[in-house]
């Protein structure tokens, strides 16, 4: 059996199971602030602009 057919067979026979997770409110302060979101957005935009300038397709 080739690796590809073994992989395909494994994927078909895979069973998806849900595991319940208990969520609780965070104790203490939040880790991320609004400025962190702006920093992340700035980096995403800089990468996109850089790719456009260099003529590459966006990732």
PDB file of N, CA and C in Angstrom:
ATOM      1  N   UNK A   1       0.852  -1.174   0.000  1.00  0.00           N
ATOM      2  CA  UNK A   1       0.000   0.000   0.000  1.00  0.00           C
ATOM      3  C   UNK A   1       0.898   1.237   0.000  1.00  0.00           C
ATOM      4  N   UNK A   2       0.640   2.158  -0.889  1.00  0.00           N
ATOM      5  CA  UNK A   2       1.466   3.361  -0.963  1.00  0.00           C
ATOM      6  C   UNK A   2       1.155   4.282   0.223  1.00  0.00           C
ATOM      7  N   UNK A   3       2.091   5.187   0.483  1.00  0.00           N
ATOM      8  CA  UNK A   3       1.912   6.113   1.600  1.00  0.00           C
ATOM      9  C   UNK A   3       0.666   6.972   1.424  1.00  0.00           C
ATOM     10  N   UNK A   4       0.405   7.375   0.173  1.00  0.00           N
ATOM     11  CA  UNK A   4      -0.753   8.228  -0.091  1.00  0.00           C
ATOM     12  C   UNK A   4      -2.058   7.489   0.190  1.00  0.00           C
ATOM     13  N   UNK A   5      -2.174   6.225  -0.260  1.00  0.00           N
ATOM     14  CA  UNK A   5      -3.413   5.491   0.016  1.00  0.00           C
ATOM     15  C   UNK A   5      -3.554   5.182   1.495  1.00  0.00           C
ATOM     16  N   UNK A   6      -2.433   4.953   2.182  1.00  0.00           N
ATOM     17  CA  UNK A   6      -2.491   4.724   3.627  1.00  0.00           C
ATOM     18  C   UNK A   6      -2.994   5.983   4.329  1.00  0.00           C
ATOM     19  N   UNK A   7      -2.477   7.134   3.906  1.00  0.00           N
ATOM     20  CA  UNK A   7      -2.893   8.406   4.492  1.00  0.00           C
ATOM     21  C   UNK A   7      -4.373   8.662   4.210  1.00  0.00           C
ATOM     22  N   UNK A   8      -4.800   8.435   2.980  1.00  0.00           N
ATOM     23  CA  UNK A   8      -6.197   8.648   2.611  1.00  0.00           C
ATOM     24  C   UNK A   8      -7.107   7.737   3.439  1.00  0.00           C
ATOM     25  N   UNK A   9      -6.716   6.481   3.581  1.00  0.00           N
ATOM     26  CA  UNK A   9      -7.505   5.528   4.368  1.00  0.00           C
ATOM     27  C   UNK A   9      -7.554   5.956   5.833  1.00  0.00           C
ATOM     28  N   UNK A  10      -6.439   6.446   6.359  1.00  0.00           N
ATOM     29  CA  UNK A  10      -6.394   6.893   7.754  1.00  0.00           C
ATOM     30  C   UNK A  10      -7.324   8.082   7.973  1.00  0.00           C
ATOM     31  N   UNK A  11      -7.337   9.003   7.013  1.00  0.00           N
ATOM     32  CA  UNK A  11      -8.197  10.185   7.136  1.00  0.00           C
ATOM     33  C   UNK A  11      -9.664   9.777   7.089  1.00  0.00           C
ATOM     34  N   UNK A  12     -10.012   8.868   6.200  1.00  0.00           N
ATOM     35  CA  UNK A  12     -11.404   8.434   6.062  1.00  0.00           C
ATOM     36  C   UNK A  12     -11.872   7.722   7.323  1.00  0.00           C
ATOM     37  N   UNK A  13     -10.997   6.940   7.946  1.00  0.00           N
ATOM     38  CA  UNK A  13     -11.378   6.167   9.125  1.00  0.00           C
ATOM     39  C   UNK A  13     -11.252   6.945  10.434  1.00  0.00           C
ATOM     40  N   UNK A  14     -10.795   8.186  10.367  1.00  0.00           N
ATOM     41  CA  UNK A  14     -10.611   8.986  11.574  1.00  0.00           C
ATOM     42  C   UNK A  14     -11.972   9.408  12.126  1.00  0.00           C
ATOM     43  N   UNK A  15     -12.108   9.299  13.439  1.00  0.00           N
ATOM     44  CA  UNK A  15     -13.350   9.669  14.099  1.00  0.00           C
ATOM     45  C   UNK A  15     -13.142  10.983  14.849  1.00  0.00           C
ATOM     46  N   UNK A  16     -14.084  11.916  14.700  1.00  0.00           N
ATOM     47  CA  UNK A  16     -14.010  13.199  15.384  1.00  0.00           C
ATOM     48  C   UNK A  16     -14.771  13.092  16.690  1.00  0.00           C
ATOM     49  N   UNK A  17     -14.128  13.518  17.770  1.00  0.00           N
ATOM     50  CA  UNK A  17     -14.733  13.433  19.091  1.00  0.00           C
ATOM     51  C   UNK A  17     -14.707  14.817  19.728  1.00  0.00           C
ATOM     52  N   UNK A  18     -15.806  15.211  20.367  1.00  0.00           N
ATOM     53  CA  UNK A  18     -15.848  16.484  21.082  1.00  0.00           C
ATOM     54  C   UNK A  18     -15.495  16.250  22.546  1.00  0.00           C
ATOM     55  N   UNK A  19     -14.648  17.131  23.053  1.00  0.00           N
ATOM     56  CA  UNK A  19     -14.260  17.045  24.453  1.00  0.00           C
ATOM     57  C   UNK A  19     -14.738  18.314  25.145  1.00  0.00           C
ATOM     58  N   UNK A  20     -15.602  18.196  26.154  1.00  0.00           N
ATOM     59  CA  UNK A  20     -16.093  19.393  26.827  1.00  0.00           C
ATOM     60  C   UNK A  20     -14.968  20.085  27.608  1.00  0.00           C
ATOM     61  N   UNK A  21     -14.958  21.409  27.538  1.00  0.00           N
ATOM     62  CA  UNK A  21     -13.943  22.196  28.235  1.00  0.00           C
ATOM     63  C   UNK A  21     -14.659  23.166  29.161  1.00  0.00           C
ATOM     64  N   UNK A  22     -14.225  23.226  30.396  1.00  0.00           N
ATOM     65  CA  UNK A  22     -14.828  24.141  31.358  1.00  0.00           C
ATOM     66  C   UNK A  22     -14.079  25.472  31.306  1.00  0.00           C
ATOM     67  N   UNK A  23     -14.825  26.556  31.111  1.00  0.00           N
ATOM     68  CA  UNK A  23     -14.231  27.880  31.059  1.00  0.00           C
ATOM     69  C   UNK A  23     -14.520  28.618  32.357  1.00  0.00           C
ATOM     70  N   UNK A  24     -13.522  29.330  32.846  1.00  0.00           N
ATOM     71  CA  UNK A  24     -13.698  30.147  34.042  1.00  0.00           C
ATOM     72  C   UNK A  24     -13.227  31.557  33.734  1.00  0.00           C
ATOM     73  N   UNK A  25     -13.741  32.537  34.455  1.00  0.00           N
ATOM     74  CA  UNK A  25     -13.259  33.904  34.251  1.00  0.00           C
ATOM     75  C   UNK A  25     -11.780  34.013  34.609  1.00  0.00           C
ATOM     76  N   UNK A  26     -11.064  34.891  33.882  1.00  0.00           N
ATOM     77  CA  UNK A  26      -9.644  35.093  34.165  1.00  0.00           C
ATOM     78  C   UNK A  26      -9.481  35.751  35.525  1.00  0.00           C
ATOM     79  N   UNK A  27      -8.510  35.262  36.267  1.00  0.00           N
ATOM     80  CA  UNK A  27      -8.174  35.871  37.548  1.00  0.00           C
ATOM     81  C   UNK A  27      -7.015  36.823  37.293  1.00  0.00           C
ATOM     82  N   UNK A  28      -7.184  38.075  37.637  1.00  0.00           N
ATOM     83  CA  UNK A  28      -6.123  39.051  37.395  1.00  0.00           C
ATOM     84  C   UNK A  28      -6.424  39.901  36.174  1.00  0.00           C
ATOM     85  N   UNK A  29      -5.366  40.507  35.636  1.00  0.00           N
ATOM     86  CA  UNK A  29      -5.517  41.427  34.513  1.00  0.00           C
ATOM     87  C   UNK A  29      -5.460  40.707  33.171  1.00  0.00           C
ATOM     88  N   UNK A  30      -6.008  41.382  32.139  1.00  0.00           N
ATOM     89  CA  UNK A  30      -5.901  40.868  30.779  1.00  0.00           C
ATOM     90  C   UNK A  30      -4.448  40.944  30.347  1.00  0.00           C
ATOM     91  N   UNK A  31      -4.047  40.034  29.474  1.00  0.00           N
ATOM     92  CA  UNK A  31      -2.661  40.029  29.007  1.00  0.00           C
ATOM     93  C   UNK A  31      -2.451  40.973  27.832  1.00  0.00           C
ATOM     94  N   UNK A  32      -3.475  41.138  26.995  1.00  0.00           N
ATOM     95  CA  UNK A  32      -3.330  41.983  25.813  1.00  0.00           C
ATOM     96  C   UNK A  32      -4.098  43.286  25.991  1.00  0.00           C
ATOM     97  N   UNK A  33      -3.530  44.330  25.456  1.00  0.00           N
ATOM     98  CA  UNK A  33      -4.169  45.645  25.502  1.00  0.00           C
ATOM     99  C   UNK A  33      -4.485  46.071  24.066  1.00  0.00           C
ATOM    100  N   UNK A  34      -5.240  47.142  23.925  1.00  0.00           N
ATOM    101  CA  UNK A  34      -5.622  47.649  22.607  1.00  0.00           C
ATOM    102  C   UNK A  34      -4.372  47.971  21.789  1.00  0.00           C
ATOM    103  N   UNK A  35      -3.346  48.524  22.416  1.00  0.00           N
ATOM    104  CA  UNK A  35      -2.129  48.876  21.668  1.00  0.00           C
ATOM    105  C   UNK A  35      -1.469  47.641  21.056  1.00  0.00           C
ATOM    106  N   UNK A  36      -1.594  46.476  21.703  1.00  0.00           N
ATOM    107  CA  UNK A  36      -1.051  45.250  21.118  1.00  0.00           C
ATOM    108  C   UNK A  36      -1.782  44.916  19.817  1.00  0.00           C
ATOM    109  N   UNK A  37      -3.096  45.139  19.806  1.00  0.00           N
ATOM    110  CA  UNK A  37      -3.875  44.902  18.584  1.00  0.00           C
ATOM    111  C   UNK A  37      -3.432  45.807  17.452  1.00  0.00           C
ATOM    112  N   UNK A  38      -3.162  47.080  17.771  1.00  0.00           N
ATOM    113  CA  UNK A  38      -2.691  48.008  16.741  1.00  0.00           C
ATOM    114  C   UNK A  38      -1.302  47.616  16.238  1.00  0.00           C
ATOM    115  N   UNK A  39      -0.448  47.128  17.133  1.00  0.00           N
ATOM    116  CA  UNK A  39       0.889  46.681  16.722  1.00  0.00           C
ATOM    117  C   UNK A  39       0.785  45.499  15.756  1.00  0.00           C
ATOM    118  N   UNK A  40      -0.082  44.561  16.069  1.00  0.00           N
ATOM    119  CA  UNK A  40      -0.277  43.398  15.192  1.00  0.00           C
ATOM    120  C   UNK A  40      -0.836  43.839  13.835  1.00  0.00           C
ATOM    121  N   UNK A  41      -1.844  44.722  13.852  1.00  0.00           N
ATOM    122  CA  UNK A  41      -2.428  45.223  12.609  1.00  0.00           C
ATOM    123  C   UNK A  41      -1.383  45.958  11.772  1.00  0.00           C
ATOM    124  N   UNK A  42      -0.536  46.771  12.413  1.00  0.00           N
ATOM    125  CA  UNK A  42       0.508  47.501  11.703  1.00  0.00           C
ATOM    126  C   UNK A  42       1.468  46.533  11.008  1.00  0.00           C
ATOM    127  N   UNK A  43       1.840  45.475  11.697  1.00  0.00           N
ATOM    128  CA  UNK A  43       2.757  44.491  11.100  1.00  0.00           C
ATOM    129  C   UNK A  43       2.122  43.777   9.911  1.00  0.00           C
ATOM    130  N   UNK A  44       0.850  43.431  10.037  1.00  0.00           N
ATOM    131  CA  UNK A  44       0.147  42.776   8.919  1.00  0.00           C
ATOM    132  C   UNK A  44       0.114  43.697   7.704  1.00  0.00           C
ATOM    133  N   UNK A  45      -0.218  44.973   7.939  1.00  0.00           N
ATOM    134  CA  UNK A  45      -0.281  45.936   6.834  1.00  0.00           C
ATOM    135  C   UNK A  45       1.097  46.164   6.216  1.00  0.00           C
ATOM    136  N   UNK A  46       2.143  46.232   7.028  1.00  0.00           N
ATOM    137  CA  UNK A  46       3.500  46.432   6.504  1.00  0.00           C
ATOM    138  C   UNK A  46       3.923  45.254   5.620  1.00  0.00           C
ATOM    139  N   UNK A  47       3.601  44.042   6.030  1.00  0.00           N
ATOM    140  CA  UNK A  47       3.936  42.864   5.219  1.00  0.00           C
ATOM    141  C   UNK A  47       3.165  42.902   3.903  1.00  0.00           C
ATOM    142  N   UNK A  48       1.870  43.247   3.965  1.00  0.00           N
ATOM    143  CA  UNK A  48       1.050  43.297   2.746  1.00  0.00           C
ATOM    144  C   UNK A  48       1.562  44.369   1.791  1.00  0.00           C
ATOM    145  N   UNK A  49       1.879  45.540   2.310  1.00  0.00           N
ATOM    146  CA  UNK A  49       2.383  46.629   1.467  1.00  0.00           C
ATOM    147  C   UNK A  49       3.730  46.263   0.869  1.00  0.00           C
ATOM    148  N   UNK A  50       4.600  45.663   1.676  1.00  0.00           N
ATOM    149  CA  UNK A  50       5.912  45.240   1.199  1.00  0.00           C
ATOM    150  C   UNK A  50       5.779  44.217   0.067  1.00  0.00           C
ATOM    151  N   UNK A  51       4.860  43.275   0.213  1.00  0.00           N
ATOM    152  CA  UNK A  51       4.632  42.260  -0.829  1.00  0.00           C
ATOM    153  C   UNK A  51       4.111  42.915  -2.110  1.00  0.00           C
ATOM    154  N   UNK A  52       3.206  43.893  -1.973  1.00  0.00           N
ATOM    155  CA  UNK A  52       2.675  44.573  -3.152  1.00  0.00           C
ATOM    156  C   UNK A  52       3.765  45.364  -3.874  1.00  0.00           C
ATOM    157  N   UNK A  53       4.623  46.028  -3.106  1.00  0.00           N
ATOM    158  CA  UNK A  53       5.711  46.817  -3.712  1.00  0.00           C
ATOM    159  C   UNK A  53       6.681  45.911  -4.459  1.00  0.00           C
ATOM    160  N   UNK A  54       6.958  44.742  -3.889  1.00  0.00           N
ATOM    161  CA  UNK A  54       7.907  43.828  -4.526  1.00  0.00           C
ATOM    162  C   UNK A  54       7.248  42.988  -5.624  1.00  0.00           C
ATOM    163  N   UNK A  55       5.940  43.180  -5.841  1.00  0.00           N
ATOM    164  CA  UNK A  55       5.260  42.488  -6.931  1.00  0.00           C
ATOM    165  C   UNK A  55       4.876  41.059  -6.609  1.00  0.00           C
ATOM    166  N   UNK A  56       4.962  40.687  -5.335  1.00  0.00           N
ATOM    167  CA  UNK A  56       4.568  39.323  -4.966  1.00  0.00           C
ATOM    168  C   UNK A  56       3.080  39.294  -4.644  1.00  0.00           C
ATOM    169  N   UNK A  57       2.494  38.122  -4.829  1.00  0.00           N
ATOM    170  CA  UNK A  57       1.094  37.969  -4.463  1.00  0.00           C
ATOM    171  C   UNK A  57       0.988  37.931  -2.947  1.00  0.00           C
ATOM    172  N   UNK A  58      -0.141  38.398  -2.441  1.00  0.00           N
ATOM    173  CA  UNK A  58      -0.354  38.340  -0.999  1.00  0.00           C
ATOM    174  C   UNK A  58      -0.427  36.888  -0.571  1.00  0.00           C
ATOM    175  N   UNK A  59       0.080  36.637   0.588  1.00  0.00           N
ATOM    176  CA  UNK A  59       0.144  35.227   1.087  1.00  0.00           C
ATOM    177  C   UNK A  59      -1.201  34.687   1.428  1.00  0.00           C
TER     178      UNK A  59
END
